[in-house]
Amino acid sequence: MTSDRTARRLSRILAVLPFIIENDGATMDELVDRFDYRDKADLIKDLHLVFVTGLPGYGPGDLIDVDIFDDEVFIDAADYFSRPLRLTPPEALGLLAAGMTLLESHQAPSALQTAVDKLAAVVGKDAAEAVHFDIPTPPSVDQLRGAVDAGRVVRIGYVGLASNERTEREVEGWSVAFSLGNWYFTGYCRLAGDRRVFRVDRIDAIDELDEEYERPTERPDAAIMYQPGESDVQVTFTVTPRASWVAEYYPVDSEPAGDGATRIRMSVADPAVAARLILQLGSDVSLIEGVEVLTAVDDLRRRIMARYARTK
């Protein structure tokens, strides 16, 4: 499971619990519809996870009690979820800054402005004035958004970040969004025959074609995540339970390897990225496979040792 999916699942669970508690139960159909589950089976997976969750001690009396009767869900022993937890001042300021950043990107729903105003009033009357964001918006953002709204195919000239090679691509756009400090254009790339995410500042030409396309009925996920390329190198390794966080934090494929260990397969454009991670994990990583990454690990280890030798 990748980190973005885990975050979305956790956020949904933390929204479902207070709703069920506040309403003294809820029907399965209501929860599926209200919280955008695919089906009841998807909801039940989350409820099973809640069932083994609770306060430290984790004995029978410490775990959350989830009961399903006649298609209704009831939750007990979870009073600490009945009301939202209080934010610390740094958390509140960070949330305010995130909200203001999204507003500045001009891609936020109108309701967010009201939420930001309320939060700013709680944090401090001058908080919103003290935090300022300036997000440069290139003209191509509006051009790409216009093509997405009109459902028109665009032909773009794109310079790849890893290869620095320029290609021309016809793209059926899905979204234009600001994330991770950059603007991104997401859509179906006909050259790749799959979903692709393009950094807008690396698009050097845009030609809106007369051809229209049928946009997906369900809005595709616009989350910005790493997309492996054909030139990526692969590395596979096993981590101990203490380093199992790697499978949640990075976009990787993983599977249980016995005794709590996890076998991880990772794609990287630069072998040095994986090499730094492997050295960071130390004795918690083993059974590394991938010639390019192993070579990068040896090179990085020699350079670190040489640097320490010069400081003695």
C-alpha atoms as a PDB file:
ATOM      1  CA  MET A   1       0.000   0.000   0.000  1.00  0.00           C
ATOM      2  CA  THR A   2       1.468   3.351  -0.984  1.00  0.00           C
ATOM      3  CA  SER A   3       1.587   6.345   1.319  1.00  0.00           C
ATOM      4  CA  ASP A   4      -1.050   8.417  -0.491  1.00  0.00           C
ATOM      5  CA  ARG A   5      -3.591   5.599  -0.336  1.00  0.00           C
ATOM      6  CA  THR A   6      -2.845   5.062   3.347  1.00  0.00           C
ATOM      7  CA  ALA A   7      -3.323   8.757   4.110  1.00  0.00           C
ATOM      8  CA  ARG A   8      -6.662   8.847   2.283  1.00  0.00           C
ATOM      9  CA  ARG A   9      -7.860   5.713   4.059  1.00  0.00           C
ATOM     10  CA  LEU A  10      -6.860   7.027   7.492  1.00  0.00           C
ATOM     11  CA  SER A  11      -8.528  10.387   6.835  1.00  0.00           C
ATOM     12  CA  ARG A  12     -11.758   8.654   5.858  1.00  0.00           C
ATOM     13  CA  ILE A  13     -11.738   6.415   8.928  1.00  0.00           C
ATOM     14  CA  LEU A  14     -11.206   9.445  11.177  1.00  0.00           C
ATOM     15  CA  ALA A  15     -14.255  11.060   9.540  1.00  0.00           C
ATOM     16  CA  VAL A  16     -16.454   7.950   9.720  1.00  0.00           C
ATOM     17  CA  LEU A  17     -15.924   7.269  13.433  1.00  0.00           C
ATOM     18  CA  PRO A  18     -17.250  10.613  14.809  1.00  0.00           C
ATOM     19  CA  PHE A  19     -20.229  10.433  12.442  1.00  0.00           C
ATOM     20  CA  ILE A  20     -21.288   6.974  13.663  1.00  0.00           C
ATOM     21  CA  ILE A  21     -20.759   7.919  17.314  1.00  0.00           C
ATOM     22  CA  GLU A  22     -22.609  11.233  17.063  1.00  0.00           C
ATOM     23  CA  ASN A  23     -25.612   9.606  15.370  1.00  0.00           C
ATOM     24  CA  ASP A  24     -25.708   6.552  17.657  1.00  0.00           C
ATOM     25  CA  GLY A  25     -25.131   4.337  14.664  1.00  0.00           C
ATOM     26  CA  ALA A  26     -25.601   4.510  10.905  1.00  0.00           C
ATOM     27  CA  THR A  27     -26.682   2.232   8.091  1.00  0.00           C
ATOM     28  CA  MET A  28     -24.163   0.653   5.773  1.00  0.00           C
ATOM     29  CA  ASP A  29     -25.782   2.280   2.733  1.00  0.00           C
ATOM     30  CA  GLU A  30     -25.592   5.715   4.372  1.00  0.00           C
ATOM     31  CA  LEU A  31     -21.893   5.329   5.166  1.00  0.00           C
ATOM     32  CA  VAL A  32     -21.043   4.036   1.686  1.00  0.00           C
ATOM     33  CA  ASP A  33     -22.842   6.973   0.073  1.00  0.00           C
ATOM     34  CA  ARG A  34     -21.756   9.705   2.478  1.00  0.00           C
ATOM     35  CA  PHE A  35     -18.067   8.787   2.605  1.00  0.00           C
ATOM     36  CA  ASP A  36     -17.668   7.705  -1.033  1.00  0.00           C
ATOM     37  CA  TYR A  37     -16.869   4.028  -0.509  1.00  0.00           C
ATOM     38  CA  ARG A  38     -16.879   1.834  -3.593  1.00  0.00           C
ATOM     39  CA  ASP A  39     -19.170  -0.707  -1.919  1.00  0.00           C
ATOM     40  CA  LYS A  40     -20.031  -2.280   1.424  1.00  0.00           C
ATOM     41  CA  ALA A  41     -17.062  -4.652   1.222  1.00  0.00           C
ATOM     42  CA  ASP A  42     -14.719  -1.652   1.076  1.00  0.00           C
ATOM     43  CA  LEU A  43     -16.409  -0.160   4.153  1.00  0.00           C
ATOM     44  CA  ILE A  44     -16.189  -3.443   6.046  1.00  0.00           C
ATOM     45  CA  LYS A  45     -12.412  -3.557   5.462  1.00  0.00           C
ATOM     46  CA  ASP A  46     -12.090  -0.232   7.284  1.00  0.00           C
ATOM     47  CA  LEU A  47     -14.403  -1.387  10.082  1.00  0.00           C
ATOM     48  CA  HIS A  48     -12.309  -4.518  10.555  1.00  0.00           C
ATOM     49  CA  LEU A  49      -9.243  -2.289  10.898  1.00  0.00           C
ATOM     50  CA  VAL A  50     -11.039  -0.126  13.479  1.00  0.00           C
ATOM     51  CA  PHE A  51     -11.941  -3.259  15.416  1.00  0.00           C
ATOM     52  CA  VAL A  52      -8.254  -3.926  16.223  1.00  0.00           C
ATOM     53  CA  THR A  53      -7.531  -0.298  17.089  1.00  0.00           C
ATOM     54  CA  GLY A  54      -7.560   1.316  20.513  1.00  0.00           C
ATOM     55  CA  LEU A  55      -5.560   2.809  23.334  1.00  0.00           C
ATOM     56  CA  PRO A  56      -2.145   1.490  24.476  1.00  0.00           C
ATOM     57  CA  GLY A  57      -2.475  -1.764  26.311  1.00  0.00           C
ATOM     58  CA  TYR A  58      -4.534  -3.097  23.420  1.00  0.00           C
ATOM     59  CA  GLY A  59      -6.357  -5.608  25.586  1.00  0.00           C
ATOM     60  CA  PRO A  60     -10.022  -6.490  24.976  1.00  0.00           C
ATOM     61  CA  GLY A  61     -11.140  -3.571  27.126  1.00  0.00           C
ATOM     62  CA  ASP A  62      -8.914  -1.087  25.306  1.00  0.00           C
ATOM     63  CA  LEU A  63      -9.998  -1.793  21.745  1.00  0.00           C
ATOM     64  CA  ILE A  64     -12.819  -0.087  19.828  1.00  0.00           C
ATOM     65  CA  ASP A  65     -15.962  -2.196  19.662  1.00  0.00           C
ATOM     66  CA  VAL A  66     -17.608  -2.316  16.217  1.00  0.00           C
ATOM     67  CA  ASP A  67     -20.974  -4.055  15.869  1.00  0.00           C
ATOM     68  CA  ILE A  68     -23.024  -4.620  12.713  1.00  0.00           C
ATOM     69  CA  PHE A  69     -26.690  -5.542  13.207  1.00  0.00           C
ATOM     70  CA  ASP A  70     -29.182  -5.786  10.344  1.00  0.00           C
ATOM     71  CA  ASP A  71     -27.017  -3.615   8.091  1.00  0.00           C
ATOM     72  CA  GLU A  72     -26.511  -0.960  10.805  1.00  0.00           C
ATOM     73  CA  VAL A  73     -23.131  -0.082  12.295  1.00  0.00           C
ATOM     74  CA  PHE A  74     -22.615   0.802  15.975  1.00  0.00           C
ATOM     75  CA  ILE A  75     -19.369   1.803  17.677  1.00  0.00           C
ATOM     76  CA  ASP A  76     -18.561   1.674  21.388  1.00  0.00           C
ATOM     77  CA  ALA A  77     -15.481   2.315  23.548  1.00  0.00           C
ATOM     78  CA  ALA A  78     -14.279   5.097  21.244  1.00  0.00           C
ATOM     79  CA  ASP A  79     -15.346   8.205  23.152  1.00  0.00           C
ATOM     80  CA  TYR A  80     -11.995   9.824  22.412  1.00  0.00           C
ATOM     81  CA  PHE A  81     -13.096   9.941  18.757  1.00  0.00           C
ATOM     82  CA  SER A  82     -16.503  11.478  19.474  1.00  0.00           C
ATOM     83  CA  ARG A  83     -15.073  14.984  19.129  1.00  0.00           C
ATOM     84  CA  PRO A  84     -12.150  16.173  17.011  1.00  0.00           C
ATOM     85  CA  LEU A  85      -8.818  16.361  18.813  1.00  0.00           C
ATOM     86  CA  ARG A  86      -7.544  19.840  19.645  1.00  0.00           C
ATOM     87  CA  LEU A  87      -4.830  21.219  17.407  1.00  0.00           C
ATOM     88  CA  THR A  88      -1.600  22.427  18.938  1.00  0.00           C
ATOM     89  CA  PRO A  89      -0.601  26.003  17.960  1.00  0.00           C
ATOM     90  CA  PRO A  90       2.027  24.772  15.438  1.00  0.00           C
ATOM     91  CA  GLU A  91      -0.517  22.333  13.927  1.00  0.00           C
ATOM     92  CA  ALA A  92      -3.146  25.079  13.646  1.00  0.00           C
ATOM     93  CA  LEU A  93      -0.690  27.465  11.993  1.00  0.00           C
ATOM     94  CA  GLY A  94       0.447  24.721   9.607  1.00  0.00           C
ATOM     95  CA  LEU A  95      -3.159  23.942   8.688  1.00  0.00           C
ATOM     96  CA  LEU A  96      -3.841  27.644   8.132  1.00  0.00           C
ATOM     97  CA  ALA A  97      -0.788  27.946   5.898  1.00  0.00           C
ATOM     98  CA  ALA A  98      -1.857  24.891   3.871  1.00  0.00           C
ATOM     99  CA  GLY A  99      -5.362  26.287   3.411  1.00  0.00           C
ATOM    100  CA  MET A 100      -4.065  29.690   2.334  1.00  0.00           C
ATOM    101  CA  THR A 101      -1.676  28.036  -0.117  1.00  0.00           C
ATOM    102  CA  LEU A 102      -4.537  26.131  -1.733  1.00  0.00           C
ATOM    103  CA  LEU A 103      -6.597  29.318  -1.949  1.00  0.00           C
ATOM    104  CA  GLU A 104      -3.705  31.115  -3.616  1.00  0.00           C
ATOM    105  CA  SER A 105      -3.519  28.376  -6.243  1.00  0.00           C
ATOM    106  CA  HIS A 106      -7.097  29.182  -7.347  1.00  0.00           C
ATOM    107  CA  GLN A 107      -8.102  25.522  -7.283  1.00  0.00           C
ATOM    108  CA  ALA A 108      -9.864  25.405  -3.906  1.00  0.00           C
ATOM    109  CA  PRO A 109     -13.622  25.017  -3.361  1.00  0.00           C
ATOM    110  CA  SER A 110     -15.407  28.160  -2.204  1.00  0.00           C
ATOM    111  CA  ALA A 111     -16.115  26.608   1.204  1.00  0.00           C
ATOM    112  CA  LEU A 112     -12.393  26.611   2.000  1.00  0.00           C
ATOM    113  CA  GLN A 113     -12.316  30.420   2.231  1.00  0.00           C
ATOM    114  CA  THR A 114     -14.882  30.310   5.035  1.00  0.00           C
ATOM    115  CA  ALA A 115     -12.930  27.578   6.831  1.00  0.00           C
ATOM    116  CA  VAL A 116      -9.682  29.550   6.545  1.00  0.00           C
ATOM    117  CA  ASP A 117     -11.364  32.682   7.896  1.00  0.00           C
ATOM    118  CA  LYS A 118     -12.694  30.766  10.918  1.00  0.00           C
ATOM    119  CA  LEU A 119      -9.343  29.125  11.608  1.00  0.00           C
ATOM    120  CA  ALA A 120      -7.509  32.449  11.282  1.00  0.00           C
ATOM    121  CA  ALA A 121      -9.863  33.988  13.849  1.00  0.00           C
ATOM    122  CA  VAL A 122      -9.011  31.204  16.305  1.00  0.00           C
ATOM    123  CA  VAL A 123      -5.251  31.226  15.688  1.00  0.00           C
ATOM    124  CA  GLY A 124      -5.105  35.018  16.030  1.00  0.00           C
ATOM    125  CA  LYS A 125      -6.666  37.993  14.347  1.00  0.00           C
ATOM    126  CA  ASP A 126      -3.381  38.902  12.628  1.00  0.00           C
ATOM    127  CA  ALA A 127      -2.452  35.333  11.623  1.00  0.00           C
ATOM    128  CA  ALA A 128      -3.799  35.543   8.073  1.00  0.00           C
ATOM    129  CA  GLU A 129      -1.981  38.837   7.511  1.00  0.00           C
ATOM    130  CA  ALA A 130       1.283  37.484   8.916  1.00  0.00           C
ATOM    131  CA  VAL A 131       1.300  34.463   6.576  1.00  0.00           C
ATOM    132  CA  HIS A 132       1.677  35.370   2.908  1.00  0.00           C
ATOM    133  CA  PHE A 133       2.007  33.106  -0.114  1.00  0.00           C
ATOM    134  CA  ASP A 134       2.901  34.045  -3.631  1.00  0.00           C
ATOM    135  CA  ILE A 135       2.442  31.151  -6.067  1.00  0.00           C
ATOM    136  CA  PRO A 136       3.719  32.053  -9.542  1.00  0.00           C
ATOM    137  CA  THR A 137       1.138  30.969 -12.109  1.00  0.00           C
ATOM    138  CA  PRO A 138       2.484  30.695 -15.684  1.00  0.00           C
ATOM    139  CA  PRO A 139       0.083  31.646 -18.504  1.00  0.00           C
ATOM    140  CA  SER A 140       0.106  28.059 -19.732  1.00  0.00           C
ATOM    141  CA  VAL A 141      -1.875  27.012 -16.623  1.00  0.00           C
ATOM    142  CA  ASP A 142      -4.974  28.882 -17.817  1.00  0.00           C
ATOM    143  CA  GLN A 143      -4.450  27.578 -21.365  1.00  0.00           C
ATOM    144  CA  LEU A 144      -4.284  23.972 -20.172  1.00  0.00           C
ATOM    145  CA  ARG A 145      -7.256  24.444 -17.843  1.00  0.00           C
ATOM    146  CA  GLY A 146      -9.270  25.853 -20.725  1.00  0.00           C
ATOM    147  CA  ALA A 147      -8.486  22.773 -22.832  1.00  0.00           C
ATOM    148  CA  VAL A 148      -9.479  20.444 -19.974  1.00  0.00           C
ATOM    149  CA  ASP A 149     -12.762  22.291 -19.409  1.00  0.00           C
ATOM    150  CA  ALA A 150     -13.541  22.194 -23.142  1.00  0.00           C
ATOM    151  CA  GLY A 151     -12.541  18.529 -23.438  1.00  0.00           C
ATOM    152  CA  ARG A 152     -10.058  19.231 -26.233  1.00  0.00           C
ATOM    153  CA  VAL A 153      -6.879  17.270 -26.924  1.00  0.00           C
ATOM    154  CA  VAL A 154      -3.645  19.267 -26.594  1.00  0.00           C
ATOM    155  CA  ARG A 155      -0.330  18.627 -28.301  1.00  0.00           C
ATOM    156  CA  ILE A 156       2.516  19.559 -25.954  1.00  0.00           C
ATOM    157  CA  GLY A 157       6.278  19.751 -26.262  1.00  0.00           C
ATOM    158  CA  TYR A 158       7.701  18.271 -23.073  1.00  0.00           C
ATOM    159  CA  VAL A 159      11.273  18.082 -21.782  1.00  0.00           C
ATOM    160  CA  GLY A 160      11.667  15.066 -19.478  1.00  0.00           C
ATOM    161  CA  LEU A 161      13.033  15.767 -16.023  1.00  0.00           C
ATOM    162  CA  ALA A 162      15.258  12.695 -15.833  1.00  0.00           C
ATOM    163  CA  SER A 163      16.305  12.319 -19.488  1.00  0.00           C
ATOM    164  CA  ASN A 164      16.233  16.021 -20.465  1.00  0.00           C
ATOM    165  CA  GLU A 165      14.935  14.818 -23.844  1.00  0.00           C
ATOM    166  CA  ARG A 166      12.138  16.642 -25.658  1.00  0.00           C
ATOM    167  CA  THR A 167       9.123  14.761 -26.970  1.00  0.00           C
ATOM    168  CA  GLU A 168       5.833  15.800 -28.537  1.00  0.00           C
ATOM    169  CA  ARG A 169       2.742  14.246 -27.008  1.00  0.00           C
ATOM    170  CA  GLU A 170      -1.009  14.387 -27.531  1.00  0.00           C
ATOM    171  CA  VAL A 171      -2.758  14.449 -24.175  1.00  0.00           C
ATOM    172  CA  GLU A 172      -6.390  14.128 -23.084  1.00  0.00           C
ATOM    173  CA  GLY A 173      -6.256  16.327 -20.011  1.00  0.00           C
ATOM    174  CA  TRP A 174      -7.883  15.497 -16.664  1.00  0.00           C
ATOM    175  CA  SER A 175      -6.649  18.218 -14.315  1.00  0.00           C
ATOM    176  CA  VAL A 176      -4.208  21.069 -13.753  1.00  0.00           C
ATOM    177  CA  ALA A 177      -3.136  21.361 -10.128  1.00  0.00           C
ATOM    178  CA  PHE A 178      -0.516  22.913  -7.878  1.00  0.00           C
ATOM    179  CA  SER A 179       1.329  20.466  -5.625  1.00  0.00           C
ATOM    180  CA  LEU A 180       4.769  19.958  -4.116  1.00  0.00           C
ATOM    181  CA  GLY A 181       5.829  23.484  -5.142  1.00  0.00           C
ATOM    182  CA  ASN A 182       5.022  23.078  -8.841  1.00  0.00           C
ATOM    183  CA  TRP A 183       2.109  23.122 -11.299  1.00  0.00           C
ATOM    184  CA  TYR A 184       1.228  19.738 -12.835  1.00  0.00           C
ATOM    185  CA  PHE A 185      -0.858  18.711 -15.841  1.00  0.00           C
ATOM    186  CA  THR A 186      -2.389  15.238 -15.525  1.00  0.00           C
ATOM    187  CA  GLY A 187      -4.074  13.269 -18.277  1.00  0.00           C
ATOM    188  CA  TYR A 188      -4.046  10.338 -20.670  1.00  0.00           C
ATOM    189  CA  CYS A 189      -0.891  10.502 -22.811  1.00  0.00           C
ATOM    190  CA  ARG A 190      -1.386   8.863 -26.193  1.00  0.00           C
ATOM    191  CA  LEU A 191       2.355   8.431 -26.698  1.00  0.00           C
ATOM    192  CA  ALA A 192       2.721   6.448 -23.467  1.00  0.00           C
ATOM    193  CA  GLY A 193      -0.723   4.848 -23.737  1.00  0.00           C
ATOM    194  CA  ASP A 194      -1.341   5.509 -20.040  1.00  0.00           C
ATOM    195  CA  ARG A 195      -1.853   8.161 -17.351  1.00  0.00           C
ATOM    196  CA  ARG A 196       1.010  10.649 -17.096  1.00  0.00           C
ATOM    197  CA  VAL A 197       1.794  13.697 -14.972  1.00  0.00           C
ATOM    198  CA  PHE A 198       3.669  16.595 -16.605  1.00  0.00           C
ATOM    199  CA  ARG A 199       5.346  19.478 -14.801  1.00  0.00           C
ATOM    200  CA  VAL A 200       3.957  22.599 -16.435  1.00  0.00           C
ATOM    201  CA  ASP A 201       7.251  24.488 -16.286  1.00  0.00           C
ATOM    202  CA  ARG A 202       8.787  21.778 -18.513  1.00  0.00           C
ATOM    203  CA  ILE A 203       6.133  22.150 -21.222  1.00  0.00           C
ATOM    204  CA  ASP A 204       7.638  24.436 -23.879  1.00  0.00           C
ATOM    205  CA  ALA A 205       4.791  24.357 -26.425  1.00  0.00           C
ATOM    206  CA  ILE A 206       1.010  23.930 -26.277  1.00  0.00           C
ATOM    207  CA  ASP A 207      -1.281  23.481 -29.277  1.00  0.00           C
ATOM    208  CA  GLU A 208      -4.989  22.999 -28.583  1.00  0.00           C
ATOM    209  CA  LEU A 209      -6.380  20.698 -31.276  1.00  0.00           C
ATOM    210  CA  ASP A 210      -9.879  20.689 -32.727  1.00  0.00           C
ATOM    211  CA  GLU A 211     -10.311  17.087 -31.630  1.00  0.00           C
ATOM    212  CA  GLU A 212     -12.527  16.529 -28.612  1.00  0.00           C
ATOM    213  CA  TYR A 213     -12.461  13.529 -26.301  1.00  0.00           C
ATOM    214  CA  GLU A 214     -14.879  11.927 -23.871  1.00  0.00           C
ATOM    215  CA  ARG A 215     -13.824  12.696 -20.348  1.00  0.00           C
ATOM    216  CA  PRO A 216     -13.987   9.851 -17.772  1.00  0.00           C
ATOM    217  CA  THR A 217     -17.327   9.464 -16.020  1.00  0.00           C
ATOM    218  CA  GLU A 218     -15.565   9.231 -12.665  1.00  0.00           C
ATOM    219  CA  ARG A 219     -12.957  11.892 -12.030  1.00  0.00           C
ATOM    220  CA  PRO A 220      -9.550  10.159 -12.068  1.00  0.00           C
ATOM    221  CA  ASP A 221      -7.287  10.561  -9.065  1.00  0.00           C
ATOM    222  CA  ALA A 222      -5.284  13.758  -9.574  1.00  0.00           C
ATOM    223  CA  ALA A 223      -2.798  13.033  -6.799  1.00  0.00           C
ATOM    224  CA  ILE A 224       0.775  13.822  -7.784  1.00  0.00           C
ATOM    225  CA  MET A 225       2.890  10.741  -7.397  1.00  0.00           C
ATOM    226  CA  TYR A 226       6.038   9.275  -8.872  1.00  0.00           C
ATOM    227  CA  GLN A 227       5.517   7.700 -12.293  1.00  0.00           C
ATOM    228  CA  PRO A 228       8.207   5.126 -13.202  1.00  0.00           C
ATOM    229  CA  GLY A 229       9.742   5.631 -16.634  1.00  0.00           C
ATOM    230  CA  GLU A 230      11.206   3.196 -19.118  1.00  0.00           C
ATOM    231  CA  SER A 231      14.739   4.219 -18.167  1.00  0.00           C
ATOM    232  CA  ASP A 232      14.199   3.670 -14.427  1.00  0.00           C
ATOM    233  CA  VAL A 233      16.343   1.140 -12.588  1.00  0.00           C
ATOM    234  CA  GLN A 234      14.837  -1.447 -10.262  1.00  0.00           C
ATOM    235  CA  VAL A 235      16.006  -2.471  -6.823  1.00  0.00           C
ATOM    236  CA  THR A 236      14.563  -5.116  -4.528  1.00  0.00           C
ATOM    237  CA  PHE A 237      15.401  -5.509  -0.849  1.00  0.00           C
ATOM    238  CA  THR A 238      14.038  -6.842   2.430  1.00  0.00           C
ATOM    239  CA  VAL A 239      13.482  -4.698   5.531  1.00  0.00           C
ATOM    240  CA  THR A 240      12.920  -5.672   9.144  1.00  0.00           C
ATOM    241  CA  PRO A 241       9.666  -4.804  10.949  1.00  0.00           C
ATOM    242  CA  ARG A 242      11.399  -1.724  12.366  1.00  0.00           C
ATOM    243  CA  ALA A 243      11.846  -0.355   8.813  1.00  0.00           C
ATOM    244  CA  SER A 244       8.463  -1.405   7.439  1.00  0.00           C
ATOM    245  CA  TRP A 245       7.604   2.318   7.226  1.00  0.00           C
ATOM    246  CA  VAL A 246       9.437   2.361   3.883  1.00  0.00           C
ATOM    247  CA  ALA A 247       6.507   0.526   2.252  1.00  0.00           C
ATOM    248  CA  GLU A 248       4.109   3.240   3.462  1.00  0.00           C
ATOM    249  CA  TYR A 249       6.294   6.291   2.879  1.00  0.00           C
ATOM    250  CA  TYR A 250       7.568   5.561  -0.645  1.00  0.00           C
ATOM    251  CA  PRO A 251       5.657   4.570  -3.826  1.00  0.00           C
ATOM    252  CA  VAL A 252       6.810   0.946  -3.908  1.00  0.00           C
ATOM    253  CA  ASP A 253       5.479  -2.570  -4.349  1.00  0.00           C
ATOM    254  CA  SER A 254       5.727  -4.701  -1.237  1.00  0.00           C
ATOM    255  CA  GLU A 255       4.801  -8.121   0.119  1.00  0.00           C
ATOM    256  CA  PRO A 256       5.286  -9.978   3.416  1.00  0.00           C
ATOM    257  CA  ALA A 257       8.553 -11.891   3.666  1.00  0.00           C
ATOM    258  CA  GLY A 258       7.975 -13.845   6.878  1.00  0.00           C
ATOM    259  CA  ASP A 259       8.745 -13.084  10.538  1.00  0.00           C
ATOM    260  CA  GLY A 260       7.381  -9.565  10.110  1.00  0.00           C
ATOM    261  CA  ALA A 261       9.858  -8.651   7.365  1.00  0.00           C
ATOM    262  CA  THR A 262       8.775  -6.940   4.139  1.00  0.00           C
ATOM    263  CA  ARG A 263      10.114  -7.483   0.628  1.00  0.00           C
ATOM    264  CA  ILE A 264      10.165  -4.209  -1.313  1.00  0.00           C
ATOM    265  CA  ARG A 265      10.532  -3.501  -5.032  1.00  0.00           C
ATOM    266  CA  MET A 266      11.358   0.103  -5.920  1.00  0.00           C
ATOM    267  CA  SER A 267      11.775   2.043  -9.195  1.00  0.00           C
ATOM    268  CA  VAL A 268      14.085   5.065  -9.282  1.00  0.00           C
ATOM    269  CA  ALA A 269      15.288   7.377 -12.025  1.00  0.00           C
ATOM    270  CA  ASP A 270      18.596   7.901 -10.184  1.00  0.00           C
ATOM    271  CA  PRO A 271      20.257   4.921  -8.419  1.00  0.00           C
ATOM    272  CA  ALA A 272      21.717   7.354  -5.865  1.00  0.00           C
ATOM    273  CA  VAL A 273      18.217   7.956  -4.467  1.00  0.00           C
ATOM    274  CA  ALA A 274      17.817   4.297  -3.510  1.00  0.00           C
ATOM    275  CA  ALA A 275      21.453   4.103  -2.387  1.00  0.00           C
ATOM    276  CA  ARG A 276      20.938   6.879   0.164  1.00  0.00           C
ATOM    277  CA  LEU A 277      17.839   5.134   1.513  1.00  0.00           C
ATOM    278  CA  ILE A 278      19.622   1.783   1.826  1.00  0.00           C
ATOM    279  CA  LEU A 279      22.541   3.319   3.714  1.00  0.00           C
ATOM    280  CA  GLN A 280      20.075   5.134   5.964  1.00  0.00           C
ATOM    281  CA  LEU A 281      18.379   1.838   6.839  1.00  0.00           C
ATOM    282  CA  GLY A 282      21.677   0.267   7.901  1.00  0.00           C
ATOM    283  CA  SER A 283      21.270  -3.168   9.487  1.00  0.00           C
ATOM    284  CA  ASP A 284      17.494  -3.102   8.886  1.00  0.00           C
ATOM    285  CA  VAL A 285      17.939  -3.865   5.175  1.00  0.00           C
ATOM    286  CA  SER A 286      19.192  -7.079   3.549  1.00  0.00           C
ATOM    287  CA  LEU A 287      19.044  -9.217   0.403  1.00  0.00           C
ATOM    288  CA  ILE A 288      19.542  -6.275  -1.954  1.00  0.00           C
ATOM    289  CA  GLU A 289      19.136  -7.031  -5.673  1.00  0.00           C
ATOM    290  CA  GLY A 290      19.868  -4.507  -8.420  1.00  0.00           C
ATOM    291  CA  VAL A 291      23.296  -4.006  -9.975  1.00  0.00           C
ATOM    292  CA  GLU A 292      22.999  -0.259 -10.608  1.00  0.00           C
ATOM    293  CA  VAL A 293      21.839   0.495  -7.062  1.00  0.00           C
ATOM    294  CA  LEU A 294      24.433  -1.812  -5.470  1.00  0.00           C
ATOM    295  CA  THR A 295      27.136   0.007  -7.437  1.00  0.00           C
ATOM    296  CA  ALA A 296      25.732   3.347  -6.245  1.00  0.00           C
ATOM    297  CA  VAL A 297      25.698   2.081  -2.641  1.00  0.00           C
ATOM    298  CA  ASP A 298      29.371   1.087  -2.836  1.00  0.00           C
ATOM    299  CA  ASP A 299      30.292   4.422  -4.418  1.00  0.00           C
ATOM    300  CA  LEU A 300      28.362   6.414  -1.804  1.00  0.00           C
ATOM    301  CA  ARG A 301      29.862   4.397   1.026  1.00  0.00           C
ATOM    302  CA  ARG A 302      33.418   5.029  -0.275  1.00  0.00           C
ATOM    303  CA  ARG A 303      32.786   8.775  -0.586  1.00  0.00           C
ATOM    304  CA  ILE A 304      31.392   8.953   2.955  1.00  0.00           C
ATOM    305  CA  MET A 305      34.362   7.053   4.362  1.00  0.00           C
ATOM    306  CA  ALA A 306      36.787   9.271   2.435  1.00  0.00           C
ATOM    307  CA  ARG A 307      35.140  12.414   3.791  1.00  0.00           C
ATOM    308  CA  TYR A 308      35.344  11.168   7.373  1.00  0.00           C
ATOM    309  CA  ALA A 309      38.983  10.161   6.846  1.00  0.00           C
ATOM    310  CA  ARG A 310      39.877  13.729   5.803  1.00  0.00           C
ATOM    311  CA  THR A 311      38.338  15.177   8.971  1.00  0.00           C
ATOM    312  CA  LYS A 312      40.489  13.102  11.313  1.00  0.00           C
END
